């Protein structure tokens, strides 16, 4: 009877609850804005992202010249929003 209860318990346990995606809004808005203005978001293999400005933005006008790395989606969103205002 015990093994039957264990099997039924495994069968009828509720699925694990999904954790909320805390970065969804930043990620979706960043991707939408980047696509619209030609800003490139490059995912790095070891983690993080590089955000590259649009082709028509000069290096002297690039506020992030030399440092395009972002560690999270909140940083990506800030960088994309900054480039958005300069194009």
N, C-alpha and C. Protein backbone atom coordinates (compact mmCIF):
# COMPACT_ATOMS: atom_id res chain seq x y z
N UNK A 1 0.82 -1.19 0.00
CA UNK A 1 0.00 0.00 0.00
C UNK A 1 0.86 1.26 0.00
N UNK A 2 2.00 1.19 0.69
CA UNK A 2 2.88 2.35 0.78
C UNK A 2 3.45 2.72 -0.59
N UNK A 3 3.88 1.75 -1.35
CA UNK A 3 4.43 2.05 -2.68
C UNK A 3 3.35 2.61 -3.60
N UNK A 4 2.11 2.13 -3.45
CA UNK A 4 1.01 2.68 -4.24
C UNK A 4 0.78 4.15 -3.88
N UNK A 5 0.80 4.47 -2.60
CA UNK A 5 0.64 5.86 -2.17
C UNK A 5 1.77 6.74 -2.68
N UNK A 6 2.98 6.23 -2.68
CA UNK A 6 4.12 7.01 -3.18
C UNK A 6 3.97 7.27 -4.69
N UNK A 7 3.58 6.28 -5.42
CA UNK A 7 3.39 6.45 -6.87
C UNK A 7 2.26 7.43 -7.18
N UNK A 8 1.15 7.28 -6.46
CA UNK A 8 0.03 8.19 -6.67
C UNK A 8 0.41 9.61 -6.24
N UNK A 9 1.20 9.72 -5.19
CA UNK A 9 1.64 11.03 -4.74
C UNK A 9 2.48 11.73 -5.79
N UNK A 10 3.39 10.99 -6.44
CA UNK A 10 4.20 11.56 -7.51
C UNK A 10 3.34 11.94 -8.72
N UNK A 11 2.33 11.15 -8.97
CA UNK A 11 1.47 11.38 -10.13
C UNK A 11 0.58 12.61 -9.95
N UNK A 12 0.12 12.82 -8.74
CA UNK A 12 -0.86 13.88 -8.52
C UNK A 12 -0.29 15.11 -7.79
N UNK A 13 1.01 15.25 -7.75
CA UNK A 13 1.56 16.46 -7.13
C UNK A 13 1.43 17.62 -8.11
N UNK A 14 1.12 18.79 -7.61
CA UNK A 14 0.97 19.94 -8.50
C UNK A 14 2.33 20.34 -9.07
N UNK A 15 2.32 20.93 -10.24
CA UNK A 15 3.60 21.35 -10.84
C UNK A 15 4.21 22.48 -10.01
N UNK A 16 5.50 22.60 -10.12
CA UNK A 16 6.20 23.65 -9.38
C UNK A 16 5.72 25.01 -9.88
N UNK A 17 5.62 25.95 -8.98
CA UNK A 17 5.16 27.28 -9.38
C UNK A 17 6.25 27.98 -10.16
N UNK A 18 5.84 28.72 -11.19
CA UNK A 18 6.80 29.46 -12.00
C UNK A 18 7.15 30.76 -11.31
N UNK A 19 8.41 31.05 -11.31
CA UNK A 19 8.84 32.32 -10.74
C UNK A 19 8.53 33.42 -11.75
N UNK A 20 8.14 34.58 -11.27
CA UNK A 20 7.83 35.67 -12.20
C UNK A 20 9.09 36.14 -12.92
N UNK A 21 8.92 36.54 -14.17
CA UNK A 21 10.02 37.06 -14.97
C UNK A 21 10.17 38.55 -14.66
N UNK A 22 11.10 38.88 -13.82
CA UNK A 22 11.27 40.25 -13.35
C UNK A 22 11.84 41.18 -14.42
N UNK A 23 12.46 40.62 -15.45
CA UNK A 23 13.13 41.43 -16.47
C UNK A 23 12.34 41.48 -17.78
N UNK A 24 11.15 40.97 -17.79
CA UNK A 24 10.38 40.88 -19.03
C UNK A 24 10.13 42.24 -19.67
N UNK A 25 9.69 43.21 -18.89
CA UNK A 25 9.38 44.53 -19.44
C UNK A 25 10.62 45.18 -20.02
N UNK A 26 11.72 45.17 -19.28
CA UNK A 26 12.96 45.76 -19.78
C UNK A 26 13.43 45.05 -21.04
N UNK A 27 13.36 43.73 -21.07
CA UNK A 27 13.81 42.96 -22.22
C UNK A 27 12.97 43.25 -23.45
N UNK A 28 11.65 43.20 -23.31
CA UNK A 28 10.77 43.41 -24.46
C UNK A 28 10.87 44.83 -25.00
N UNK A 29 10.90 45.82 -24.10
CA UNK A 29 11.01 47.22 -24.55
C UNK A 29 12.36 47.48 -25.21
N UNK A 30 13.42 46.93 -24.65
CA UNK A 30 14.75 47.11 -25.23
C UNK A 30 14.82 46.54 -26.64
N UNK A 31 14.30 45.33 -26.81
CA UNK A 31 14.32 44.70 -28.13
C UNK A 31 13.47 45.46 -29.14
N UNK A 32 12.31 45.94 -28.71
CA UNK A 32 11.43 46.68 -29.61
C UNK A 32 12.09 47.99 -30.04
N UNK A 33 12.62 48.74 -29.08
CA UNK A 33 13.25 50.01 -29.38
C UNK A 33 14.50 49.82 -30.25
N UNK A 34 15.29 48.82 -29.94
CA UNK A 34 16.51 48.56 -30.70
C UNK A 34 16.20 48.21 -32.15
N UNK A 35 15.19 47.41 -32.35
CA UNK A 35 14.83 47.02 -33.71
C UNK A 35 14.37 48.22 -34.53
N UNK A 36 13.62 49.10 -33.88
CA UNK A 36 13.06 50.25 -34.58
C UNK A 36 14.13 51.27 -35.00
N UNK A 37 15.19 51.40 -34.21
CA UNK A 37 16.21 52.42 -34.48
C UNK A 37 17.56 51.86 -34.95
N UNK A 38 17.65 50.56 -35.16
CA UNK A 38 18.90 49.99 -35.66
C UNK A 38 19.99 49.84 -34.61
N UNK A 39 19.61 49.68 -33.37
CA UNK A 39 20.56 49.47 -32.28
C UNK A 39 20.74 47.96 -32.12
N UNK A 40 21.99 47.52 -31.97
CA UNK A 40 22.25 46.08 -31.89
C UNK A 40 22.48 45.65 -30.45
N UNK A 41 21.75 44.63 -30.01
CA UNK A 41 21.95 44.02 -28.70
C UNK A 41 22.60 42.66 -28.94
N UNK A 42 23.85 42.53 -28.53
CA UNK A 42 24.63 41.32 -28.76
C UNK A 42 24.75 40.54 -27.47
N UNK A 43 24.23 39.31 -27.46
CA UNK A 43 24.35 38.44 -26.28
C UNK A 43 25.72 37.80 -26.28
N UNK A 44 26.41 37.89 -25.17
CA UNK A 44 27.75 37.34 -25.05
C UNK A 44 27.70 35.91 -24.53
N UNK A 45 28.60 35.09 -24.97
CA UNK A 45 28.61 33.67 -24.62
C UNK A 45 28.79 33.44 -23.12
N UNK A 46 29.62 34.24 -22.48
CA UNK A 46 29.90 34.06 -21.05
C UNK A 46 28.96 34.84 -20.15
N UNK A 47 27.91 35.42 -20.73
CA UNK A 47 26.94 36.19 -19.96
C UNK A 47 27.08 37.67 -20.21
N UNK A 48 25.98 38.36 -20.11
CA UNK A 48 25.98 39.80 -20.35
C UNK A 48 25.67 40.11 -21.81
N UNK A 49 25.66 41.40 -22.11
CA UNK A 49 25.34 41.87 -23.45
C UNK A 49 26.24 43.04 -23.81
N UNK A 50 26.47 43.23 -25.10
CA UNK A 50 27.04 44.45 -25.64
C UNK A 50 25.92 45.14 -26.40
N UNK A 51 25.79 46.43 -26.20
CA UNK A 51 24.79 47.21 -26.92
C UNK A 51 25.55 48.16 -27.82
N UNK A 52 25.34 48.01 -29.14
CA UNK A 52 26.05 48.80 -30.13
C UNK A 52 25.12 49.88 -30.69
N UNK A 53 25.67 51.07 -30.89
CA UNK A 53 24.83 52.18 -31.37
C UNK A 53 24.42 51.97 -32.83
N UNK A 54 23.47 52.77 -33.30
CA UNK A 54 23.10 52.71 -34.71
C UNK A 54 24.29 53.10 -35.58
N UNK A 55 24.30 52.63 -36.81
CA UNK A 55 25.43 52.87 -37.73
C UNK A 55 25.65 54.36 -37.98
N UNK A 56 24.59 55.16 -37.98
CA UNK A 56 24.73 56.57 -38.33
C UNK A 56 25.17 57.45 -37.15
N UNK A 57 25.42 56.88 -35.99
CA UNK A 57 25.88 57.66 -34.84
C UNK A 57 27.41 57.66 -34.82
N UNK A 58 28.01 58.83 -34.83
CA UNK A 58 29.47 58.95 -34.82
C UNK A 58 30.04 58.53 -33.47
N UNK A 59 31.32 58.11 -33.49
CA UNK A 59 31.98 57.72 -32.25
C UNK A 59 32.04 58.87 -31.26
N UNK A 60 32.22 60.09 -31.75
CA UNK A 60 32.32 61.23 -30.83
C UNK A 60 30.98 61.54 -30.16
N UNK A 61 29.87 61.11 -30.77
CA UNK A 61 28.55 61.32 -30.20
C UNK A 61 28.09 60.13 -29.35
N UNK A 62 28.89 59.08 -29.30
CA UNK A 62 28.53 57.87 -28.56
C UNK A 62 28.83 58.07 -27.07
N UNK A 63 27.80 58.16 -26.21
CA UNK A 63 28.04 58.37 -24.78
C UNK A 63 28.68 57.16 -24.09
N UNK A 64 28.65 56.01 -24.73
CA UNK A 64 29.21 54.78 -24.15
C UNK A 64 30.43 54.31 -24.92
N UNK A 65 31.09 55.20 -25.66
CA UNK A 65 32.24 54.84 -26.48
C UNK A 65 33.30 54.12 -25.63
N UNK A 66 33.65 52.92 -26.02
CA UNK A 66 34.64 52.13 -25.31
C UNK A 66 34.09 51.23 -24.22
N UNK A 67 32.83 51.39 -23.86
CA UNK A 67 32.24 50.54 -22.82
C UNK A 67 30.79 50.24 -23.18
N UNK A 68 30.59 49.19 -23.95
CA UNK A 68 29.26 48.82 -24.42
C UNK A 68 28.68 47.63 -23.67
N UNK A 69 29.37 47.18 -22.62
CA UNK A 69 28.94 45.99 -21.88
C UNK A 69 27.83 46.31 -20.89
N UNK A 70 26.86 45.40 -20.81
CA UNK A 70 25.77 45.48 -19.82
C UNK A 70 25.67 44.12 -19.13
N UNK A 71 25.46 44.17 -17.82
CA UNK A 71 25.36 42.94 -17.05
C UNK A 71 23.95 42.43 -16.87
N UNK A 72 22.95 43.25 -17.14
CA UNK A 72 21.56 42.85 -16.96
C UNK A 72 20.64 43.64 -17.88
N UNK A 73 19.38 43.21 -17.93
CA UNK A 73 18.42 43.85 -18.83
C UNK A 73 18.09 45.27 -18.43
N UNK A 74 18.19 45.60 -17.15
CA UNK A 74 17.94 46.98 -16.74
C UNK A 74 19.01 47.91 -17.33
N UNK A 75 20.26 47.46 -17.35
CA UNK A 75 21.33 48.25 -17.95
C UNK A 75 21.16 48.35 -19.46
N UNK A 76 20.76 47.24 -20.08
CA UNK A 76 20.52 47.25 -21.53
C UNK A 76 19.44 48.27 -21.86
N UNK A 77 18.38 48.30 -21.07
CA UNK A 77 17.28 49.23 -21.31
C UNK A 77 17.74 50.68 -21.20
N UNK A 78 18.54 50.98 -20.21
CA UNK A 78 19.06 52.35 -20.05
C UNK A 78 19.92 52.73 -21.24
N UNK A 79 20.77 51.83 -21.69
CA UNK A 79 21.66 52.14 -22.81
C UNK A 79 20.86 52.32 -24.10
N UNK A 80 19.91 51.44 -24.36
CA UNK A 80 19.08 51.55 -25.56
C UNK A 80 18.28 52.85 -25.52
N UNK A 81 17.73 53.19 -24.38
CA UNK A 81 16.95 54.42 -24.25
C UNK A 81 17.83 55.65 -24.48
N UNK A 82 19.08 55.59 -24.04
CA UNK A 82 20.02 56.69 -24.27
C UNK A 82 20.31 56.83 -25.76
N UNK A 83 20.59 55.72 -26.43
CA UNK A 83 20.83 55.77 -27.88
C UNK A 83 19.57 56.23 -28.61
N UNK A 84 18.41 55.82 -28.13
CA UNK A 84 17.13 56.17 -28.75
C UNK A 84 16.99 57.71 -28.83
N UNK A 85 17.37 58.38 -27.77
CA UNK A 85 17.26 59.83 -27.73
C UNK A 85 18.28 60.55 -28.61
N UNK A 86 19.34 59.87 -28.99
CA UNK A 86 20.39 60.50 -29.78
C UNK A 86 20.22 60.31 -31.27
N UNK A 87 19.37 59.43 -31.68
CA UNK A 87 19.18 59.16 -33.12
C UNK A 87 18.15 60.10 -33.69
